[in-house]
N, C-alpha and C. Protein backbone atom coordinates (compact mmCIF):
# COMPACT_ATOMS: atom_id res chain seq x y z
N UNK A 1 46.95 -36.32 -14.08
CA UNK A 1 47.68 -35.15 -14.63
C UNK A 1 47.12 -34.86 -15.82
N UNK A 2 46.96 -33.26 -16.23
CA UNK A 2 46.39 -32.86 -17.37
C UNK A 2 47.40 -32.80 -18.38
N UNK A 3 46.94 -32.93 -19.64
CA UNK A 3 47.79 -32.92 -20.90
C UNK A 3 47.91 -31.34 -21.08
N UNK A 4 49.17 -30.97 -21.26
CA UNK A 4 49.66 -29.58 -21.65
C UNK A 4 49.15 -29.33 -23.11
N UNK A 5 48.53 -28.15 -23.22
CA UNK A 5 48.02 -27.75 -24.56
C UNK A 5 49.13 -26.97 -25.23
N UNK A 6 49.28 -27.05 -26.52
CA UNK A 6 50.35 -26.44 -27.27
C UNK A 6 49.88 -24.82 -27.15
N UNK A 7 51.05 -24.12 -27.31
CA UNK A 7 50.57 -22.58 -27.27
C UNK A 7 50.06 -22.12 -28.67
N UNK A 8 49.26 -21.25 -28.43
CA UNK A 8 48.67 -20.60 -29.65
C UNK A 8 49.73 -20.02 -30.68
N UNK A 9 49.72 -20.18 -31.93
CA UNK A 9 50.68 -19.64 -32.83
C UNK A 9 50.72 -18.16 -32.86
N UNK A 10 51.84 -17.61 -32.96
CA UNK A 10 51.77 -16.16 -32.92
C UNK A 10 51.40 -15.64 -34.12
N UNK A 11 50.63 -14.43 -34.12
CA UNK A 11 50.12 -14.02 -35.37
C UNK A 11 51.26 -13.16 -36.16
N UNK A 12 51.38 -13.29 -37.40
CA UNK A 12 52.31 -12.52 -38.22
C UNK A 12 52.31 -11.21 -38.00
N UNK A 13 53.43 -10.52 -37.78
CA UNK A 13 53.48 -9.02 -37.55
C UNK A 13 54.23 -8.45 -38.76
N UNK A 14 53.78 -7.57 -39.48
CA UNK A 14 54.41 -6.85 -40.49
C UNK A 14 55.01 -5.50 -39.69
N UNK A 15 56.17 -5.08 -40.17
CA UNK A 15 56.73 -4.06 -39.56
C UNK A 15 56.23 -2.74 -40.35
N UNK A 16 56.38 -1.57 -39.62
CA UNK A 16 55.89 -0.42 -40.26
C UNK A 16 56.44 -0.09 -41.56
N UNK A 17 57.80 -0.43 -41.67
CA UNK A 17 58.22 -0.20 -43.16
C UNK A 17 57.78 -0.96 -44.23
N UNK A 18 57.45 -2.41 -43.88
CA UNK A 18 56.91 -3.19 -44.78
C UNK A 18 55.41 -2.79 -45.14
N UNK A 19 54.69 -2.19 -44.09
CA UNK A 19 53.46 -1.70 -44.35
C UNK A 19 53.37 -0.49 -45.20
N UNK A 20 54.28 0.54 -44.97
CA UNK A 20 54.43 1.66 -45.84
C UNK A 20 54.93 1.25 -47.16
N UNK A 21 55.81 0.41 -47.47
CA UNK A 21 56.22 -0.02 -48.77
C UNK A 21 55.03 -0.55 -49.44
N UNK A 22 54.20 -1.44 -48.83
CA UNK A 22 52.89 -1.82 -49.64
C UNK A 22 52.07 -0.78 -50.00
N UNK A 23 51.97 0.25 -49.17
CA UNK A 23 51.39 1.40 -49.48
C UNK A 23 51.98 2.24 -50.77
N UNK A 24 53.35 2.22 -50.78
CA UNK A 24 53.85 2.61 -51.95
C UNK A 24 53.67 2.01 -53.34
N UNK A 25 53.62 0.48 -53.19
CA UNK A 25 53.22 -0.18 -54.15
C UNK A 25 51.84 0.07 -54.89
N UNK A 26 50.84 0.11 -53.92
CA UNK A 26 49.49 0.40 -54.17
C UNK A 26 49.43 1.73 -54.88
N UNK A 27 50.09 2.68 -54.32
CA UNK A 27 50.12 4.13 -55.05
C UNK A 27 50.69 4.11 -56.35
N UNK A 28 51.83 3.37 -56.44
CA UNK A 28 52.34 3.33 -57.98
C UNK A 28 51.39 2.66 -58.89
N UNK A 29 50.55 1.85 -58.35
CA UNK A 29 49.52 1.16 -59.20
C UNK A 29 48.19 1.89 -59.37
N UNK A 30 48.25 3.23 -58.75
CA UNK A 30 47.19 4.24 -58.88
C UNK A 30 45.89 3.62 -58.08
N UNK A 31 46.16 2.95 -56.98
CA UNK A 31 45.08 2.47 -56.18
C UNK A 31 44.94 3.28 -54.91
N UNK A 32 44.49 4.36 -54.79
CA UNK A 32 44.54 5.24 -53.49
C UNK A 32 43.91 4.68 -52.47
N UNK A 33 42.75 3.89 -52.59
CA UNK A 33 42.23 3.70 -51.34
C UNK A 33 43.15 2.43 -50.70
N UNK A 34 43.70 1.39 -51.43
CA UNK A 34 44.49 0.41 -50.97
C UNK A 34 45.99 1.16 -50.33
N UNK A 35 46.28 2.06 -51.07
CA UNK A 35 47.51 2.89 -50.53
C UNK A 35 47.16 3.44 -49.03
N UNK A 36 46.07 3.98 -48.98
CA UNK A 36 45.74 4.71 -47.74
C UNK A 36 45.59 3.52 -46.69
N UNK A 37 44.87 2.52 -47.01
CA UNK A 37 44.87 1.37 -45.97
C UNK A 37 46.23 1.07 -45.58
N UNK A 38 47.06 0.75 -46.24
CA UNK A 38 48.53 0.23 -46.06
C UNK A 38 49.35 1.31 -45.01
N UNK A 39 49.27 2.62 -45.57
CA UNK A 39 49.72 3.90 -44.82
C UNK A 39 49.12 3.95 -43.49
N UNK A 40 47.90 3.80 -43.37
CA UNK A 40 47.36 3.87 -41.98
C UNK A 40 47.62 2.83 -41.23
N UNK A 41 47.72 1.59 -41.72
CA UNK A 41 48.21 0.34 -40.83
C UNK A 41 49.68 0.72 -40.53
N UNK A 42 50.54 1.28 -41.19
CA UNK A 42 51.96 1.59 -40.95
C UNK A 42 52.00 2.63 -39.85
N UNK A 43 51.00 3.67 -39.83
CA UNK A 43 51.10 4.60 -38.91
C UNK A 43 50.64 3.99 -37.44
N UNK A 44 49.78 2.92 -37.47
CA UNK A 44 49.30 2.08 -36.42
C UNK A 44 50.20 1.21 -35.96
N UNK A 45 51.25 0.96 -36.68
CA UNK A 45 52.18 -0.24 -36.30
C UNK A 45 52.98 0.40 -35.03
N UNK A 46 53.41 -0.57 -34.12
CA UNK A 46 54.11 -0.15 -32.95
C UNK A 46 55.48 0.30 -32.91
N UNK A 47 56.14 -0.19 -34.25
CA UNK A 47 57.45 0.21 -34.28
C UNK A 47 57.63 1.29 -35.29
N UNK A 48 57.59 2.41 -34.66
CA UNK A 48 57.65 3.61 -35.39
C UNK A 48 58.68 3.85 -36.47
N UNK A 49 60.04 4.07 -35.85
CA UNK A 49 61.08 4.37 -36.94
C UNK A 49 60.73 5.42 -37.85
N UNK A 50 61.37 5.45 -38.94
CA UNK A 50 61.08 6.70 -39.88
C UNK A 50 59.91 6.31 -40.84
N UNK A 51 59.46 5.02 -40.64
CA UNK A 51 58.27 4.46 -41.55
C UNK A 51 57.17 5.35 -41.23
N UNK A 52 56.90 5.66 -39.98
CA UNK A 52 55.85 6.56 -39.53
C UNK A 52 55.87 7.74 -40.39
N UNK A 53 57.08 8.46 -40.38
CA UNK A 53 56.98 9.76 -41.20
C UNK A 53 56.97 9.45 -42.69
N UNK A 54 57.51 8.54 -43.25
CA UNK A 54 57.26 8.01 -44.66
C UNK A 54 55.75 7.99 -45.06
N UNK A 55 54.93 7.13 -44.19
CA UNK A 55 53.57 6.93 -44.51
C UNK A 55 52.78 8.20 -44.35
N UNK A 56 53.10 8.92 -43.18
CA UNK A 56 52.33 10.32 -42.93
C UNK A 56 52.51 11.09 -44.23
N UNK A 57 53.80 11.34 -44.72
CA UNK A 57 54.15 12.21 -45.89
C UNK A 57 53.36 11.53 -47.09
N UNK A 58 53.35 10.18 -47.48
CA UNK A 58 52.61 9.62 -48.43
C UNK A 58 51.20 9.91 -48.32
N UNK A 59 50.55 9.85 -47.23
CA UNK A 59 49.08 10.15 -47.04
C UNK A 59 48.86 11.57 -47.73
N UNK A 60 49.81 12.45 -47.30
CA UNK A 60 49.55 13.84 -47.63
C UNK A 60 49.76 14.03 -49.15
N UNK A 61 50.35 13.17 -49.95
CA UNK A 61 50.26 13.49 -51.39
C UNK A 61 49.38 12.73 -52.20
N UNK A 62 48.61 11.71 -51.66
CA UNK A 62 47.54 11.09 -52.30
C UNK A 62 46.48 12.16 -52.70
N UNK A 63 45.95 11.83 -53.98
CA UNK A 63 44.96 12.73 -54.30
C UNK A 63 43.52 12.30 -53.45
N UNK A 64 42.79 13.24 -53.16
CA UNK A 64 41.52 13.02 -52.43
C UNK A 64 40.61 11.93 -53.18
N UNK A 65 39.88 11.36 -52.15
CA UNK A 65 38.94 10.39 -52.52
C UNK A 65 37.99 10.90 -53.23
N UNK A 66 37.47 10.14 -54.39
CA UNK A 66 36.33 10.67 -55.08
C UNK A 66 35.06 10.33 -54.39
N UNK A 67 33.91 11.19 -54.35
CA UNK A 67 32.78 10.89 -53.57
C UNK A 67 31.92 9.60 -54.10
N UNK A 68 32.21 9.43 -55.36
CA UNK A 68 31.61 8.10 -55.88
C UNK A 68 32.27 6.86 -55.62
N UNK A 69 33.34 6.92 -54.98
CA UNK A 69 34.15 5.70 -54.64
C UNK A 69 35.18 5.25 -55.75
N UNK A 70 35.13 5.85 -56.81
CA UNK A 70 35.97 5.55 -57.95
C UNK A 70 37.52 5.83 -57.82
N UNK A 71 38.17 5.40 -58.55
CA UNK A 71 39.76 5.53 -58.42
C UNK A 71 40.16 6.53 -59.45
């Protein structure tokens, strides 16, 4: 008889709304690169809801990235 292995723990999943809110926080802190990261993750999240619209709209209002990578 073989010993049963415990199942792998489930990876934490953040909802698209939480990801969009993290983008909002980064945007308020004037960290455009981080805001873009969270908004793009929100758009990639499987649970669309209205958070996808929120993230898409917020991405459109962020200032363009500077070529030198500055904020």
